[in-house]
All heavy atoms as atom14 arrays in JSON, in Angstrom:
{
  "sequence": "RFHVGERVLAGPTLGDRVALVVTTRRALGFDG",
  "atom14_mask": [
    [1, 1, 1, 1, 1, 1, 1, 1, 1, 1, 1, 0, 0, 0],
    [1, 1, 1, 1, 1, 1, 1, 1, 1, 1, 1, 0, 0, 0],
    [1, 1, 1, 1, 1, 1, 1, 1, 1, 1, 0, 0, 0, 0],
    [1, 1, 1, 1, 1, 1, 1, 0, 0, 0, 0, 0, 0, 0],
    [1, 1, 1, 1, 0, 0, 0, 0, 0, 0, 0, 0, 0, 0],
    [1, 1, 1, 1, 1, 1, 1, 1, 1, 0, 0, 0, 0, 0],
    [1, 1, 1, 1, 1, 1, 1, 1, 1, 1, 1, 0, 0, 0],
    [1, 1, 1, 1, 1, 1, 1, 0, 0, 0, 0, 0, 0, 0],
    [1, 1, 1, 1, 1, 1, 1, 1, 0, 0, 0, 0, 0, 0],
    [1, 1, 1, 1, 1, 0, 0, 0, 0, 0, 0, 0, 0, 0],
    [1, 1, 1, 1, 0, 0, 0, 0, 0, 0, 0, 0, 0, 0],
    [1, 1, 1, 1, 1, 1, 1, 0, 0, 0, 0, 0, 0, 0],
    [1, 1, 1, 1, 1, 1, 1, 0, 0, 0, 0, 0, 0, 0],
    [1, 1, 1, 1, 1, 1, 1, 1, 0, 0, 0, 0, 0, 0],
    [1, 1, 1, 1, 0, 0, 0, 0, 0, 0, 0, 0, 0, 0],
    [1, 1, 1, 1, 1, 1, 1, 1, 0, 0, 0, 0, 0, 0],
    [1, 1, 1, 1, 1, 1, 1, 1, 1, 1, 1, 0, 0, 0],
    [1, 1, 1, 1, 1, 1, 1, 0, 0, 0, 0, 0, 0, 0],
    [1, 1, 1, 1, 1, 0, 0, 0, 0, 0, 0, 0, 0, 0],
    [1, 1, 1, 1, 1, 1, 1, 1, 0, 0, 0, 0, 0, 0],
    [1, 1, 1, 1, 1, 1, 1, 0, 0, 0, 0, 0, 0, 0],
    [1, 1, 1, 1, 1, 1, 1, 0, 0, 0, 0, 0, 0, 0],
    [1, 1, 1, 1, 1, 1, 1, 0, 0, 0, 0, 0, 0, 0],
    [1, 1, 1, 1, 1, 1, 1, 0, 0, 0, 0, 0, 0, 0],
    [1, 1, 1, 1, 1, 1, 1, 1, 1, 1, 1, 0, 0, 0],
    [1, 1, 1, 1, 1, 1, 1, 1, 1, 1, 1, 0, 0, 0],
    [1, 1, 1, 1, 1, 0, 0, 0, 0, 0, 0, 0, 0, 0],
    [1, 1, 1, 1, 1, 1, 1, 1, 0, 0, 0, 0, 0, 0],
    [1, 1, 1, 1, 0, 0, 0, 0, 0, 0, 0, 0, 0, 0],
    [1, 1, 1, 1, 1, 1, 1, 1, 1, 1, 1, 0, 0, 0],
    [1, 1, 1, 1, 1, 1, 1, 1, 0, 0, 0, 0, 0, 0],
    [1, 1, 1, 1, 0, 0, 0, 0, 0, 0, 0, 0, 0, 0]
  ],
  "atom14_positions": [
    [[-5.03, 27.94, -1.22], [-4.57, 27.54, -2.55], [-3.07, 27.81, -2.72], [-2.52, 28.76, -2.15], [-5.36, 28.27, -3.64], [-6.82, 27.86, -3.66], [-7.57, 28.41, -4.84], [-8.93, 27.87, -4.88], [-9.26, 26.74, -5.5], [-8.32, 26.06, -6.14], [-10.49, 26.3, -5.48], [0.0, 0.0, 0.0], [0.0, 0.0, 0.0], [0.0, 0.0, 0.0]],
    [[-2.44, 26.96, -3.51], [-1.03, 27.12, -3.79], [-0.81, 28.21, -4.84], [-1.64, 28.4, -5.74], [-0.42, 25.8, -4.28], [-0.5, 24.69, -3.28], [-1.05, 23.46, -3.62], [-0.01, 24.86, -1.99], [-1.11, 22.43, -2.7], [-0.08, 23.84, -1.06], [-0.63, 22.62, -1.41], [0.0, 0.0, 0.0], [0.0, 0.0, 0.0], [0.0, 0.0, 0.0]],
    [[0.32, 28.89, -4.72], [0.72, 29.83, -5.75], [1.26, 29.05, -6.97], [1.57, 27.86, -6.87], [1.8, 30.76, -5.23], [1.35, 31.6, -4.07], [2.21, 32.12, -3.12], [0.11, 32.02, -3.7], [1.53, 32.81, -2.23], [0.25, 32.76, -2.56], [0.0, 0.0, 0.0], [0.0, 0.0, 0.0], [0.0, 0.0, 0.0], [0.0, 0.0, 0.0]],
    [[1.37, 29.73, -8.08], [1.91, 29.1, -9.28], [3.34, 28.63, -9.01], [4.18, 29.41, -8.55], [1.89, 30.08, -10.47], [2.55, 29.45, -11.7], [0.46, 30.49, -10.79], [0.0, 0.0, 0.0], [0.0, 0.0, 0.0], [0.0, 0.0, 0.0], [0.0, 0.0, 0.0], [0.0, 0.0, 0.0], [0.0, 0.0, 0.0], [0.0, 0.0, 0.0]],
    [[3.6, 27.37, -9.26], [4.95, 26.82, -9.05], [5.27, 26.43, -7.62], [6.36, 25.91, -7.35], [0.0, 0.0, 0.0], [0.0, 0.0, 0.0], [0.0, 0.0, 0.0], [0.0, 0.0, 0.0], [0.0, 0.0, 0.0], [0.0, 0.0, 0.0], [0.0, 0.0, 0.0], [0.0, 0.0, 0.0], [0.0, 0.0, 0.0], [0.0, 0.0, 0.0]],
    [[4.34, 26.67, -6.7], [4.59, 26.34, -5.29], [4.43, 24.83, -5.07], [3.47, 24.23, -5.53], [3.61, 27.1, -4.39], [3.87, 26.95, -2.9], [2.94, 27.81, -2.06], [1.89, 28.22, -2.59], [3.27, 28.08, -0.89], [0.0, 0.0, 0.0], [0.0, 0.0, 0.0], [0.0, 0.0, 0.0], [0.0, 0.0, 0.0], [0.0, 0.0, 0.0]],
    [[5.38, 24.23, -4.34], [5.36, 22.8, -4.07], [5.45, 22.53, -2.57], [6.09, 23.3, -1.83], [6.52, 22.09, -4.77], [6.47, 22.12, -6.28], [7.68, 21.43, -6.88], [8.92, 22.16, -6.62], [9.84, 21.8, -5.73], [9.66, 20.71, -4.98], [10.93, 22.51, -5.58], [0.0, 0.0, 0.0], [0.0, 0.0, 0.0], [0.0, 0.0, 0.0]],
    [[4.85, 21.44, -2.13], [4.94, 21.01, -0.73], [6.27, 20.32, -0.51], [6.64, 19.39, -1.23], [3.78, 20.08, -0.36], [3.99, 19.49, 1.03], [2.46, 20.82, -0.42], [0.0, 0.0, 0.0], [0.0, 0.0, 0.0], [0.0, 0.0, 0.0], [0.0, 0.0, 0.0], [0.0, 0.0, 0.0], [0.0, 0.0, 0.0], [0.0, 0.0, 0.0]],
    [[7.01, 20.78, 0.5], [8.28, 20.17, 0.86], [8.17, 19.23, 2.05], [8.87, 18.21, 2.13], [9.32, 21.26, 1.18], [9.69, 22.2, 0.04], [10.7, 23.23, 0.54], [10.25, 21.43, -1.15], [0.0, 0.0, 0.0], [0.0, 0.0, 0.0], [0.0, 0.0, 0.0], [0.0, 0.0, 0.0], [0.0, 0.0, 0.0], [0.0, 0.0, 0.0]],
    [[7.31, 19.56, 3.0], [7.16, 18.74, 4.21], [5.73, 18.83, 4.72], [5.12, 19.89, 4.71], [8.13, 19.2, 5.3], [0.0, 0.0, 0.0], [0.0, 0.0, 0.0], [0.0, 0.0, 0.0], [0.0, 0.0, 0.0], [0.0, 0.0, 0.0], [0.0, 0.0, 0.0], [0.0, 0.0, 0.0], [0.0, 0.0, 0.0], [0.0, 0.0, 0.0]],
    [[5.19, 17.69, 5.17], [3.84, 17.65, 5.71], [2.82, 17.28, 4.66], [3.19, 16.88, 3.54], [0.0, 0.0, 0.0], [0.0, 0.0, 0.0], [0.0, 0.0, 0.0], [0.0, 0.0, 0.0], [0.0, 0.0, 0.0], [0.0, 0.0, 0.0], [0.0, 0.0, 0.0], [0.0, 0.0, 0.0], [0.0, 0.0, 0.0], [0.0, 0.0, 0.0]],
    [[1.54, 17.41, 5.0], [1.02, 17.91, 6.28], [1.33, 16.99, 7.46], [1.24, 15.78, 7.34], [-0.49, 17.99, 6.05], [-0.67, 17.94, 4.57], [0.45, 17.11, 4.06], [0.0, 0.0, 0.0], [0.0, 0.0, 0.0], [0.0, 0.0, 0.0], [0.0, 0.0, 0.0], [0.0, 0.0, 0.0], [0.0, 0.0, 0.0], [0.0, 0.0, 0.0]],
    [[1.7, 17.61, 8.58], [1.9, 16.91, 9.84], [0.85, 17.43, 10.81], [0.71, 18.64, 10.99], [3.3, 17.15, 10.4], [4.27, 16.77, 9.41], [3.53, 16.33, 11.66], [0.0, 0.0, 0.0], [0.0, 0.0, 0.0], [0.0, 0.0, 0.0], [0.0, 0.0, 0.0], [0.0, 0.0, 0.0], [0.0, 0.0, 0.0], [0.0, 0.0, 0.0]],
    [[0.1, 16.51, 11.45], [-1.05, 16.9, 12.26], [-0.84, 16.58, 13.73], [-0.2, 15.6, 14.09], [-2.32, 16.16, 11.79], [-3.09, 16.71, 10.59], [-2.25, 16.69, 9.33], [-4.37, 15.92, 10.4], [0.0, 0.0, 0.0], [0.0, 0.0, 0.0], [0.0, 0.0, 0.0], [0.0, 0.0, 0.0], [0.0, 0.0, 0.0], [0.0, 0.0, 0.0]],
    [[-1.43, 17.45, 14.57], [-1.68, 17.17, 15.97], [-3.19, 17.21, 16.17], [-3.95, 17.4, 15.22], [0.0, 0.0, 0.0], [0.0, 0.0, 0.0], [0.0, 0.0, 0.0], [0.0, 0.0, 0.0], [0.0, 0.0, 0.0], [0.0, 0.0, 0.0], [0.0, 0.0, 0.0], [0.0, 0.0, 0.0], [0.0, 0.0, 0.0], [0.0, 0.0, 0.0]],
    [[-3.64, 17.06, 17.4], [-5.08, 17.05, 17.66], [-5.78, 18.3, 17.17], [-6.93, 18.24, 16.71], [-5.35, 16.92, 19.17], [-5.18, 15.49, 19.65], [-5.12, 14.59, 18.81], [-5.12, 15.3, 20.87], [0.0, 0.0, 0.0], [0.0, 0.0, 0.0], [0.0, 0.0, 0.0], [0.0, 0.0, 0.0], [0.0, 0.0, 0.0], [0.0, 0.0, 0.0]],
    [[-5.12, 19.45, 17.28], [-5.77, 20.72, 16.97], [-4.95, 21.63, 16.06], [-5.28, 22.8, 15.88], [-6.11, 21.47, 18.27], [-7.13, 20.75, 19.14], [-7.33, 21.46, 20.48], [-8.35, 20.81, 21.28], [-8.14, 19.76, 22.06], [-6.93, 19.25, 22.14], [-9.12, 19.23, 22.77], [0.0, 0.0, 0.0], [0.0, 0.0, 0.0], [0.0, 0.0, 0.0]],
    [[-3.87, 21.1, 15.5], [-3.02, 21.9, 14.62], [-2.53, 21.03, 13.46], [-2.52, 19.81, 13.54], [-1.8, 22.49, 15.36], [-2.22, 23.51, 16.4], [-0.97, 21.37, 16.0], [0.0, 0.0, 0.0], [0.0, 0.0, 0.0], [0.0, 0.0, 0.0], [0.0, 0.0, 0.0], [0.0, 0.0, 0.0], [0.0, 0.0, 0.0], [0.0, 0.0, 0.0]],
    [[-2.14, 21.7, 12.39], [-1.48, 21.03, 11.27], [-0.41, 21.97, 10.73], [-0.56, 23.2, 10.8], [-2.47, 20.65, 10.18], [0.0, 0.0, 0.0], [0.0, 0.0, 0.0], [0.0, 0.0, 0.0], [0.0, 0.0, 0.0], [0.0, 0.0, 0.0], [0.0, 0.0, 0.0], [0.0, 0.0, 0.0], [0.0, 0.0, 0.0], [0.0, 0.0, 0.0]],
    [[0.65, 21.4, 10.19], [1.75, 22.21, 9.68], [2.22, 21.66, 8.34], [2.39, 20.45, 8.17], [2.92, 22.2, 10.68], [4.13, 23.07, 10.34], [3.74, 24.55, 10.27], [5.23, 22.87, 11.38], [0.0, 0.0, 0.0], [0.0, 0.0, 0.0], [0.0, 0.0, 0.0], [0.0, 0.0, 0.0], [0.0, 0.0, 0.0], [0.0, 0.0, 0.0]],
    [[2.39, 22.57, 7.38], [2.86, 22.23, 6.04], [3.93, 23.24, 5.65], [3.77, 24.44, 5.87], [1.71, 22.28, 5.01], [2.22, 21.88, 3.63], [0.55, 21.4, 5.45], [0.0, 0.0, 0.0], [0.0, 0.0, 0.0], [0.0, 0.0, 0.0], [0.0, 0.0, 0.0], [0.0, 0.0, 0.0], [0.0, 0.0, 0.0], [0.0, 0.0, 0.0]],
    [[5.01, 22.74, 5.05], [6.07, 23.61, 4.55], [6.12, 23.48, 3.04], [6.19, 22.36, 2.5], [7.43, 23.26, 5.16], [8.53, 24.14, 4.56], [7.4, 23.43, 6.68], [0.0, 0.0, 0.0], [0.0, 0.0, 0.0], [0.0, 0.0, 0.0], [0.0, 0.0, 0.0], [0.0, 0.0, 0.0], [0.0, 0.0, 0.0], [0.0, 0.0, 0.0]],
    [[6.05, 24.61, 2.34], [6.15, 24.62, 0.89], [7.43, 25.33, 0.48], [8.23, 25.77, 1.31], [4.94, 25.33, 0.25], [5.09, 26.75, 0.38], [3.64, 24.89, 0.89], [0.0, 0.0, 0.0], [0.0, 0.0, 0.0], [0.0, 0.0, 0.0], [0.0, 0.0, 0.0], [0.0, 0.0, 0.0], [0.0, 0.0, 0.0], [0.0, 0.0, 0.0]],
    [[7.61, 25.46, -0.81], [8.79, 26.17, -1.31], [8.73, 27.66, -1.03], [9.74, 28.35, -1.17], [8.9, 25.95, -2.83], [7.63, 26.22, -3.44], [9.33, 24.52, -3.14], [0.0, 0.0, 0.0], [0.0, 0.0, 0.0], [0.0, 0.0, 0.0], [0.0, 0.0, 0.0], [0.0, 0.0, 0.0], [0.0, 0.0, 0.0], [0.0, 0.0, 0.0]],
    [[7.57, 28.16, -0.61], [7.43, 29.61, -0.38], [6.95, 29.98, 1.02], [7.18, 31.1, 1.47], [6.44, 30.21, -1.4], [6.86, 30.08, -2.83], [5.92, 30.84, -3.74], [6.26, 30.71, -5.13], [5.65, 31.37, -6.11], [4.64, 32.17, -5.82], [6.02, 31.19, -7.36], [0.0, 0.0, 0.0], [0.0, 0.0, 0.0], [0.0, 0.0, 0.0]],
    [[6.23, 29.04, 1.68], [5.55, 29.42, 2.92], [5.56, 28.3, 3.95], [5.69, 27.13, 3.6], [4.08, 29.78, 2.63], [3.86, 30.96, 1.74], [2.37, 31.16, 1.44], [1.84, 30.16, 0.52], [0.57, 30.07, 0.17], [-0.32, 30.91, 0.69], [0.17, 29.14, -0.69], [0.0, 0.0, 0.0], [0.0, 0.0, 0.0], [0.0, 0.0, 0.0]],
    [[5.39, 28.71, 5.2], [4.98, 27.79, 6.25], [3.49, 28.01, 6.44], [3.03, 29.14, 6.67], [5.72, 28.08, 7.55], [0.0, 0.0, 0.0], [0.0, 0.0, 0.0], [0.0, 0.0, 0.0], [0.0, 0.0, 0.0], [0.0, 0.0, 0.0], [0.0, 0.0, 0.0], [0.0, 0.0, 0.0], [0.0, 0.0, 0.0], [0.0, 0.0, 0.0]],
    [[2.71, 26.94, 6.31], [1.25, 27.01, 6.42], [0.82, 26.23, 7.64], [1.15, 25.05, 7.79], [0.59, 26.44, 5.16], [0.88, 27.19, 3.86], [0.42, 26.37, 2.67], [0.18, 28.55, 3.87], [0.0, 0.0, 0.0], [0.0, 0.0, 0.0], [0.0, 0.0, 0.0], [0.0, 0.0, 0.0], [0.0, 0.0, 0.0], [0.0, 0.0, 0.0]],
    [[0.1, 26.88, 8.52], [-0.39, 26.22, 9.72], [-1.9, 26.31, 9.82], [-2.49, 27.37, 9.53], [0.0, 0.0, 0.0], [0.0, 0.0, 0.0], [0.0, 0.0, 0.0], [0.0, 0.0, 0.0], [0.0, 0.0, 0.0], [0.0, 0.0, 0.0], [0.0, 0.0, 0.0], [0.0, 0.0, 0.0], [0.0, 0.0, 0.0], [0.0, 0.0, 0.0]],
    [[-2.52, 25.2, 10.18], [-3.96, 25.22, 10.39], [-4.25, 25.27, 11.87], [-3.76, 24.45, 12.65], [-4.62, 23.98, 9.77], [-6.12, 23.97, 9.92], [-6.9, 24.89, 9.25], [-6.74, 23.07, 10.77], [-8.29, 24.91, 9.38], [-8.12, 23.06, 10.91], [-8.89, 23.98, 10.22], [0.0, 0.0, 0.0], [0.0, 0.0, 0.0], [0.0, 0.0, 0.0]],
    [[-5.06, 26.25, 12.27], [-5.45, 26.47, 13.66], [-6.83, 25.86, 13.86], [-7.84, 26.41, 13.42], [-5.46, 27.98, 13.94], [-6.01, 28.34, 15.3], [-6.37, 27.42, 16.07], [-6.07, 29.54, 15.61], [0.0, 0.0, 0.0], [0.0, 0.0, 0.0], [0.0, 0.0, 0.0], [0.0, 0.0, 0.0], [0.0, 0.0, 0.0], [0.0, 0.0, 0.0]],
    [[-6.87, 24.69, 14.51], [-8.14, 24.02, 14.72], [-9.07, 24.75, 15.66], [-10.28, 24.49, 15.67], [0.0, 0.0, 0.0], [0.0, 0.0, 0.0], [0.0, 0.0, 0.0], [0.0, 0.0, 0.0], [0.0, 0.0, 0.0], [0.0, 0.0, 0.0], [0.0, 0.0, 0.0], [0.0, 0.0, 0.0], [0.0, 0.0, 0.0], [0.0, 0.0, 0.0]]
  ]
}
């Protein structure tokens, strides 16, 4: 879940087994 006021700046960008999202506060990665 996003924090209050947090916005997505880039992504989601996906590979076969990973995903990457950049927000105003965090880099979020999904480990497939």
